Amino acid sequence: MQIGVFSVSDITTDPTTGRTPTENERIKASVAIAKKVEEIGMDVYALGEHHNRPFFSSSPTTTLAYIAAQTERITLSTATTLITTNDPVKIAEDFAMLQHLSDGRVDLVLGRGNTAPVYPWFGKNIQDGVELAIENYSLLRKLWDEDTVNWSGKFRTPLQNFTSTPRPLDGVAPFVWHGSIRTPQIAEVAAYFGDGFFANNIFWPKEHYQQLIGLYRERYEHYGHGKADQAIVGLGGQFFMRKNSQDAVKEFRPYFDNAPVYGHGPSLEDFTSQTPLTVGSPQEVIEKTLTFREAFGDYQRQLFLIDHAGLPLKTVLEQLDLFGEEVLPVLRKEYAAMKPAHVPDAPTHASRVAAALAEKVTEPATAGAAGQDA
């Protein structure tokens, strides 16, 4: 199980002080958080993409490349990369470059995003969102998998004898997760290509995400990539911890009550009872997180949103230290004990390179055997 952190890159006023961090402060904070993620032994840091206020992350690959230069082990990912409004050629180039700079420590989550105005800003129509996602991803796959691409489609100028550079590291493209909170077609695309499916899993009750993940698993098996319980699933989550549960609730309440996304809506108590958000002690975070497997089956990646709603950097780093000391070791032990042998681990660059090499070795042998039989 890969365990890490994802950020939506919001710039939010701290309701307890009235202070709003600057863009520079939040950008630098993202680097500090990623370094802390590695320091405490987590596996993944993922950064979202937004092109509007109050968010700062318009170029996640730039930030992740900077983080790659200051880390050695963690996987760097996105949450999400906008497949609808980014040019697939640019996605192919940017992530292949990041692959080389990070020595393969990169994958990405592709999604349509949740900001409607971004479509016209990049010359697209939101009504074409699903079609754009499907067509753009098909092109992206070709750009990574084929040295020379000839292509034409509905939404982009044709390509003739085009080669995306640099080529993917070791001839293996970054692993792709498809992120969705409401669109069955995206789960279908993930299943068709044998890619991963990432369920945001932070705003709605589990039943909503069970439908999407269930569809993805069913179609993953239908397309012959493995059994349904072997499909590659990632989940989001949220927590706020203190040693004492009452202290956590008291400290987090003003942040929750004023958060741009869920503030001024359901109470903190209702929200924590109905969604994956946990506000309490380390033991409560452990117990709530382990219920995700009961709801969604065995899965490969668990990411937590922790730097949102105006929480200051100092508090976020304290959360990570506490998580590393009291939660992470227990989750690792429990996940390892529960995972069946036939369920695969999360793909990494090293595992995918090894699989590609193994496939090359078996192909000639299979062809030779077929020739002898004839």
Protein backbone atom coordinates (compact mmCIF):
# COMPACT_ATOMS: atom_id res chain seq x y z
CA MET A 1 0.00 0.00 0.00
CA GLN A 2 1.29 3.42 -0.96
CA ILE A 3 0.37 6.08 1.60
CA GLY A 4 0.79 9.78 0.97
CA VAL A 5 -0.60 13.28 0.76
CA PHE A 6 -2.40 15.26 -1.92
CA SER A 7 -3.01 18.99 -2.10
CA VAL A 8 -5.62 20.98 -4.00
CA SER A 9 -3.39 24.07 -3.60
CA ASP A 10 -6.00 26.38 -2.09
CA ILE A 11 -5.01 29.75 -0.63
CA THR A 12 -7.45 30.24 2.23
CA THR A 13 -7.62 32.76 5.05
CA ASP A 14 -6.86 31.30 8.48
CA PRO A 15 -10.17 31.90 10.33
CA THR A 16 -8.43 31.96 13.72
CA THR A 17 -6.04 34.79 12.82
CA GLY A 18 -7.63 36.49 9.80
CA ARG A 19 -4.36 36.15 7.90
CA THR A 20 -4.22 34.97 4.29
CA PRO A 21 -0.93 33.43 3.14
CA THR A 22 0.67 34.82 -0.01
CA GLU A 23 1.06 32.78 -3.18
CA ASN A 24 4.78 32.59 -2.50
CA GLU A 25 4.18 31.25 1.00
CA ARG A 26 1.79 28.55 -0.18
CA ILE A 27 4.08 27.51 -3.04
CA LYS A 28 7.04 27.22 -0.68
CA ALA A 29 4.82 25.42 1.84
CA SER A 30 4.02 22.74 -0.72
CA VAL A 31 7.73 22.01 -1.03
CA ALA A 32 8.15 21.84 2.75
CA ILE A 33 5.19 19.47 3.04
CA ALA A 34 6.54 17.18 0.31
CA LYS A 35 9.93 17.01 2.05
CA LYS A 36 8.21 16.18 5.35
CA VAL A 37 6.21 13.45 3.58
CA GLU A 38 9.50 11.81 2.61
CA GLU A 39 11.07 12.42 6.01
CA ILE A 40 8.35 10.57 7.94
CA GLY A 41 8.36 7.60 5.56
CA MET A 42 5.24 8.19 3.45
CA ASP A 43 5.32 7.23 -0.22
CA VAL A 44 3.55 9.82 -2.39
CA TYR A 45 3.12 13.57 -2.72
CA ALA A 46 0.49 14.71 -5.24
CA LEU A 47 -0.39 18.25 -6.32
CA GLY A 48 -3.53 19.45 -8.08
CA GLU A 49 -3.89 21.72 -11.10
CA HIS A 50 -5.95 24.92 -11.09
CA HIS A 51 -5.89 28.05 -13.21
CA ASN A 52 -8.03 30.28 -11.03
CA ARG A 53 -7.99 31.91 -7.64
CA PRO A 54 -7.90 30.97 -4.79
CA PHE A 55 -5.47 28.27 -5.98
CA PHE A 56 -1.77 28.51 -6.79
CA SER A 57 -0.89 25.34 -8.69
CA SER A 58 -1.20 26.22 -12.37
CA SER A 59 1.96 24.27 -13.28
CA PRO A 60 2.28 21.19 -11.08
CA THR A 61 5.08 19.63 -13.13
CA THR A 62 7.26 22.67 -12.46
CA THR A 63 6.70 22.36 -8.72
CA LEU A 64 7.16 18.59 -8.75
CA ALA A 65 10.45 18.90 -10.65
CA TYR A 66 11.69 21.30 -7.97
CA ILE A 67 10.60 18.85 -5.29
CA ALA A 68 12.26 15.98 -7.15
CA ALA A 69 15.58 17.77 -6.87
CA GLN A 70 15.22 17.89 -3.07
CA THR A 71 13.92 14.37 -2.42
CA GLU A 72 15.20 10.88 -3.11
CA ARG A 73 12.44 8.35 -2.59
CA ILE A 74 8.83 9.57 -2.77
CA THR A 75 6.66 9.22 -5.86
CA LEU A 76 5.55 12.57 -7.27
CA SER A 77 2.07 12.72 -8.73
CA THR A 78 -0.80 15.04 -9.56
CA ALA A 79 -4.34 15.42 -8.28
CA THR A 80 -5.30 16.04 -11.06
CA THR A 81 -3.83 16.90 -14.47
CA LEU A 82 -6.55 18.36 -16.68
CA ILE A 83 -6.82 16.01 -19.66
CA THR A 84 -9.62 18.12 -21.18
CA THR A 85 -7.91 21.51 -21.49
CA ASN A 86 -4.21 20.61 -21.65
CA ASP A 87 -2.71 19.70 -24.99
CA PRO A 88 -1.86 15.96 -24.93
CA VAL A 89 1.44 16.74 -26.64
CA LYS A 90 2.42 19.05 -23.79
CA ILE A 91 1.33 16.50 -21.17
CA ALA A 92 3.43 13.83 -22.90
CA GLU A 93 6.49 16.08 -23.01
CA ASP A 94 6.19 17.51 -19.49
CA PHE A 95 5.75 14.19 -17.72
CA ALA A 96 8.44 12.42 -19.73
CA MET A 97 10.80 15.23 -18.78
CA LEU A 98 9.76 14.89 -15.13
CA GLN A 99 10.36 11.14 -15.38
CA HIS A 100 13.97 11.72 -16.41
CA LEU A 101 14.62 14.38 -13.81
CA SER A 102 13.15 12.27 -10.98
CA ASP A 103 14.66 8.95 -12.12
CA GLY A 104 11.20 7.55 -12.70
CA ARG A 105 9.56 8.71 -9.47
CA VAL A 106 6.47 10.07 -11.19
CA ASP A 107 2.94 9.11 -12.15
CA LEU A 108 -0.18 11.22 -12.69
CA VAL A 109 -3.90 11.41 -12.11
CA LEU A 110 -5.86 12.56 -15.14
CA GLY A 111 -9.24 14.21 -14.73
CA ARG A 112 -11.69 16.76 -16.11
CA GLY A 113 -11.42 19.10 -13.12
CA ASN A 114 -14.28 20.88 -11.40
CA THR A 115 -13.87 24.48 -12.60
CA ALA A 116 -16.21 25.23 -15.49
CA PRO A 117 -14.59 28.53 -16.65
CA VAL A 118 -11.29 26.77 -17.39
CA TYR A 119 -12.73 25.38 -20.63
CA PRO A 120 -13.18 28.68 -22.51
CA TRP A 121 -9.90 29.98 -21.04
CA PHE A 122 -8.17 27.26 -23.03
CA GLY A 123 -10.42 27.42 -26.06
CA LYS A 124 -12.61 24.44 -25.19
CA ASN A 125 -16.32 23.86 -24.60
CA ILE A 126 -17.42 22.26 -21.33
CA GLN A 127 -20.15 20.40 -23.19
CA ASP A 128 -17.37 18.45 -24.90
CA GLY A 129 -15.76 17.51 -21.58
CA VAL A 130 -16.16 13.73 -21.70
CA GLU A 131 -15.37 13.49 -25.43
CA LEU A 132 -12.28 15.65 -24.91
CA ALA A 133 -11.10 13.44 -22.06
CA ILE A 134 -11.46 10.27 -24.13
CA GLU A 135 -9.91 11.63 -27.34
CA ASN A 136 -7.06 13.43 -25.61
CA TYR A 137 -6.13 10.39 -23.58
CA SER A 138 -6.12 8.14 -26.64
CA LEU A 139 -3.66 10.54 -28.24
CA LEU A 140 -1.54 10.78 -25.11
CA ARG A 141 -1.16 7.00 -25.06
CA LYS A 142 -0.01 7.00 -28.68
CA LEU A 143 2.48 9.78 -28.03
CA TRP A 144 4.10 7.78 -25.23
CA ASP A 145 3.84 4.34 -26.80
CA GLU A 146 4.81 5.10 -30.41
CA ASP A 147 7.99 6.82 -31.61
CA THR A 148 6.29 8.26 -34.70
CA VAL A 149 2.67 9.35 -34.49
CA ASN A 150 0.25 10.04 -37.30
CA TRP A 151 -3.07 11.10 -35.87
CA SER A 152 -6.24 13.08 -36.55
CA GLY A 153 -9.24 13.72 -34.32
CA LYS A 154 -12.16 16.01 -33.63
CA PHE A 155 -10.68 18.56 -31.24
CA ARG A 156 -7.07 19.07 -32.28
CA THR A 157 -5.06 19.71 -35.41
CA PRO A 158 -3.67 16.51 -36.95
CA LEU A 159 -0.16 15.22 -36.30
CA GLN A 160 2.03 13.90 -39.10
CA ASN A 161 5.26 11.99 -38.44
CA PHE A 162 5.47 13.55 -34.98
CA THR A 163 7.74 12.33 -32.20
CA SER A 164 7.20 13.54 -28.64
CA THR A 165 10.46 14.33 -26.86
CA PRO A 166 11.99 13.32 -24.60
CA ARG A 167 10.89 9.73 -24.95
CA PRO A 168 9.62 8.06 -21.77
CA LEU A 169 12.37 6.93 -19.41
CA ASP A 170 13.49 3.33 -20.14
CA GLY A 171 10.79 3.16 -22.81
CA VAL A 172 8.05 2.99 -20.15
CA ALA A 173 5.48 5.78 -19.82
CA PRO A 174 4.40 7.12 -16.43
CA PHE A 175 1.60 5.13 -14.83
CA VAL A 176 -1.78 6.81 -15.22
CA TRP A 177 -4.60 7.00 -12.71
CA HIS A 178 -7.94 8.35 -13.91
CA GLY A 179 -9.67 10.51 -11.31
CA SER A 180 -13.40 11.02 -11.14
CA ILE A 181 -16.01 11.97 -8.58
CA ARG A 182 -19.11 11.53 -10.74
CA THR A 183 -18.42 10.30 -14.32
CA PRO A 184 -18.89 6.60 -15.19
CA GLN A 185 -17.25 7.10 -18.60
CA ILE A 186 -13.94 7.92 -16.91
CA ALA A 187 -14.09 4.68 -14.92
CA GLU A 188 -14.73 2.92 -18.23
CA VAL A 189 -11.67 4.50 -19.85
CA ALA A 190 -9.47 3.52 -16.91
CA ALA A 191 -10.71 -0.06 -17.12
CA TYR A 192 -10.32 -0.28 -20.91
CA PHE A 193 -6.66 0.68 -20.81
CA GLY A 194 -5.88 -1.26 -17.64
CA ASP A 195 -4.93 1.95 -15.85
CA GLY A 196 -5.60 2.91 -12.24
CA PHE A 197 -8.74 4.59 -10.93
CA PHE A 198 -8.48 7.25 -8.21
CA ALA A 199 -11.61 8.13 -6.23
CA ASN A 200 -11.35 11.50 -4.51
CA ASN A 201 -13.38 10.10 -1.60
CA ILE A 202 -13.52 13.21 0.56
CA PHE A 203 -16.89 14.92 0.08
CA TRP A 204 -19.62 12.32 -0.31
CA PRO A 205 -20.78 9.15 1.48
CA LYS A 206 -19.06 5.89 0.59
CA GLU A 207 -22.05 4.61 -1.39
CA HIS A 208 -21.38 7.19 -4.09
CA TYR A 209 -17.80 6.06 -4.62
CA GLN A 210 -18.67 2.38 -4.28
CA GLN A 211 -20.71 2.66 -7.47
CA LEU A 212 -17.85 4.19 -9.46
CA ILE A 213 -15.20 1.84 -8.10
CA GLY A 214 -17.48 -1.15 -8.55
CA LEU A 215 -18.05 -0.23 -12.20
CA TYR A 216 -14.31 0.22 -12.75
CA ARG A 217 -13.51 -3.17 -11.19
CA GLU A 218 -16.19 -4.95 -13.21
CA ARG A 219 -15.02 -3.45 -16.50
CA TYR A 220 -11.32 -4.01 -15.65
CA GLU A 221 -12.05 -7.73 -15.49
CA HIS A 222 -14.25 -7.54 -18.60
CA TYR A 223 -11.33 -6.17 -20.64
CA GLY A 224 -9.06 -9.00 -19.52
CA HIS A 225 -6.58 -7.17 -17.31
CA GLY A 226 -7.17 -9.43 -14.30
CA LYS A 227 -9.81 -10.23 -11.73
CA ALA A 228 -12.00 -7.41 -10.44
CA ASP A 229 -10.26 -7.44 -7.07
CA GLN A 230 -6.90 -7.01 -8.82
CA ALA A 231 -7.84 -3.64 -10.35
CA ILE A 232 -5.63 -0.72 -9.32
CA VAL A 233 -7.59 1.60 -7.02
CA GLY A 234 -6.54 4.73 -5.17
CA LEU A 235 -8.55 6.60 -2.54
CA GLY A 236 -8.50 10.05 -1.01
CA GLY A 237 -9.19 10.87 2.61
CA GLN A 238 -8.93 13.66 5.20
CA PHE A 239 -7.87 13.88 8.81
CA PHE A 240 -7.03 16.32 11.57
CA MET A 241 -5.35 14.87 14.64
CA ARG A 242 -4.22 15.72 18.10
CA LYS A 243 -3.20 13.31 20.83
CA ASN A 244 -6.52 14.02 22.52
CA SER A 245 -9.68 13.75 20.41
CA GLN A 246 -11.41 16.69 22.09
CA ASP A 247 -8.42 18.93 21.39
CA ALA A 248 -8.54 17.98 17.70
CA VAL A 249 -12.24 18.82 17.41
CA LYS A 250 -11.88 22.13 19.24
CA GLU A 251 -8.89 23.24 17.14
CA PHE A 252 -10.25 22.13 13.75
CA ARG A 253 -13.84 23.34 14.14
CA PRO A 254 -13.25 26.97 13.05
CA TYR A 255 -11.34 25.75 9.99
CA PHE A 256 -14.11 23.34 9.08
CA ASP A 257 -16.89 25.87 9.68
CA ASN A 258 -15.27 28.42 7.37
CA ALA A 259 -13.72 26.17 4.72
CA PRO A 260 -14.60 27.29 1.15
CA VAL A 261 -15.76 23.82 0.13
CA TYR A 262 -17.83 22.54 3.06
CA GLY A 263 -18.05 25.51 5.42
CA HIS A 264 -21.45 26.88 6.38
CA GLY A 265 -23.04 23.54 5.50
CA PRO A 266 -23.35 20.31 7.51
CA SER A 267 -21.96 20.33 11.02
CA LEU A 268 -18.52 18.91 11.68
CA GLU A 269 -20.12 15.99 13.49
CA ASP A 270 -22.48 15.21 10.59
CA PHE A 271 -19.72 15.51 8.03
CA THR A 272 -17.34 13.20 9.88
CA SER A 273 -20.10 10.61 10.35
CA GLN A 274 -21.10 10.64 6.68
CA THR A 275 -17.75 11.06 4.86
CA PRO A 276 -14.15 9.82 5.29
CA LEU A 277 -13.09 12.95 7.22
CA THR A 278 -11.66 12.01 10.62
CA VAL A 279 -11.13 14.62 13.33
CA GLY A 280 -9.78 13.07 16.49
CA SER A 281 -6.98 10.98 17.94
CA PRO A 282 -4.42 8.92 16.01
CA GLN A 283 -6.32 5.76 16.95
CA GLU A 284 -9.52 7.18 15.47
CA VAL A 285 -7.68 7.98 12.22
CA ILE A 286 -6.38 4.42 12.10
CA GLU A 287 -9.79 2.90 12.73
CA LYS A 288 -11.62 5.08 10.19
CA THR A 289 -8.99 4.57 7.49
CA LEU A 290 -9.09 0.79 7.86
CA THR A 291 -12.83 0.85 7.17
CA PHE A 292 -12.09 2.03 3.61
CA ARG A 293 -10.95 -1.48 2.70
CA GLU A 294 -14.23 -2.88 4.01
CA ALA A 295 -16.17 -0.47 1.80
CA PHE A 296 -14.09 -0.59 -1.39
CA GLY A 297 -12.05 -3.79 -1.30
CA ASP A 298 -8.28 -4.13 -1.39
CA TYR A 299 -6.65 -1.09 -2.92
CA GLN A 300 -3.18 0.21 -3.69
CA ARG A 301 -2.90 3.89 -2.79
CA GLN A 302 -4.23 6.01 0.06
CA LEU A 303 -3.72 9.78 -0.10
CA PHE A 304 -4.81 12.32 2.51
CA LEU A 305 -5.77 15.98 2.10
CA ILE A 306 -4.31 17.87 5.08
CA ASP A 307 -3.13 21.34 3.97
CA HIS A 308 -6.48 22.94 3.23
CA ALA A 309 -9.03 25.33 4.79
CA GLY A 310 -6.39 27.84 5.92
CA LEU A 311 -4.42 25.52 8.21
CA PRO A 312 -0.97 27.09 8.77
CA LEU A 313 2.13 25.25 7.62
CA LYS A 314 3.31 24.70 11.20
CA THR A 315 0.10 22.83 12.00
CA VAL A 316 0.28 20.74 8.82
CA LEU A 317 3.85 19.66 9.62
CA GLU A 318 2.79 18.77 13.17
CA GLN A 319 0.01 16.63 11.68
CA LEU A 320 2.52 14.80 9.53
CA ASP A 321 4.92 14.21 12.43
CA LEU A 322 2.10 12.73 14.50
CA PHE A 323 0.95 10.62 11.57
CA GLY A 324 4.47 9.29 11.00
CA GLU A 325 4.92 8.42 14.67
CA GLU A 326 1.58 6.85 15.55
CA VAL A 327 -0.50 6.12 12.46
CA LEU A 328 1.75 5.16 9.55
CA PRO A 329 3.44 2.14 11.21
CA VAL A 330 0.08 0.68 12.22
CA LEU A 331 -1.53 1.21 8.81
CA ARG A 332 1.44 -0.41 7.07
CA LYS A 333 1.28 -3.45 9.36
CA GLU A 334 -2.48 -3.84 9.03
CA TYR A 335 -2.58 -3.37 5.26
CA ALA A 336 0.24 -5.88 4.77
CA ALA A 337 -1.50 -8.45 6.94
CA MET A 338 -4.86 -8.08 5.16
CA LYS A 339 -3.72 -7.98 1.52
CA PRO A 340 -4.26 -11.25 -0.36
CA ALA A 341 -1.25 -12.57 -2.27
CA HIS A 342 -2.98 -12.30 -5.65
CA VAL A 343 -3.73 -8.57 -5.29
CA PRO A 344 -0.94 -6.53 -6.92
CA ASP A 345 0.98 -3.69 -5.32
CA ALA A 346 0.74 -0.17 -6.71
CA PRO A 347 2.71 0.09 -9.97
CA THR A 348 6.08 1.83 -9.83
CA HIS A 349 8.51 2.71 -12.56
CA ALA A 350 10.81 -0.14 -11.52
CA SER A 351 8.00 -2.72 -11.51
CA ARG A 352 6.73 -1.55 -14.89
CA VAL A 353 10.20 -1.67 -16.44
CA ALA A 354 10.63 -5.20 -15.11
CA ALA A 355 7.24 -6.21 -16.54
CA ALA A 356 8.11 -4.74 -19.93
CA LEU A 357 11.41 -6.62 -20.01
CA ALA A 358 9.70 -9.85 -19.02
CA GLU A 359 7.17 -9.38 -21.80
CA LYS A 360 9.95 -8.91 -24.36
CA VAL A 361 11.64 -12.10 -23.18
CA THR A 362 8.48 -14.21 -23.41
CA GLU A 363 7.33 -12.90 -26.81
CA PRO A 364 10.15 -14.48 -28.89
CA ALA A 365 9.86 -17.72 -26.93
CA THR A 366 6.12 -17.85 -27.58
CA ALA A 367 6.63 -17.10 -31.26
CA GLY A 368 9.27 -19.83 -31.52
CA ALA A 369 7.07 -22.37 -29.83
CA ALA A 370 4.22 -21.49 -32.17
CA GLY A 371 6.53 -21.99 -35.14
CA GLN A 372 7.60 -25.44 -33.91
CA ASP A 373 3.99 -26.49 -33.39
CA ALA A 374 3.23 -25.52 -36.97
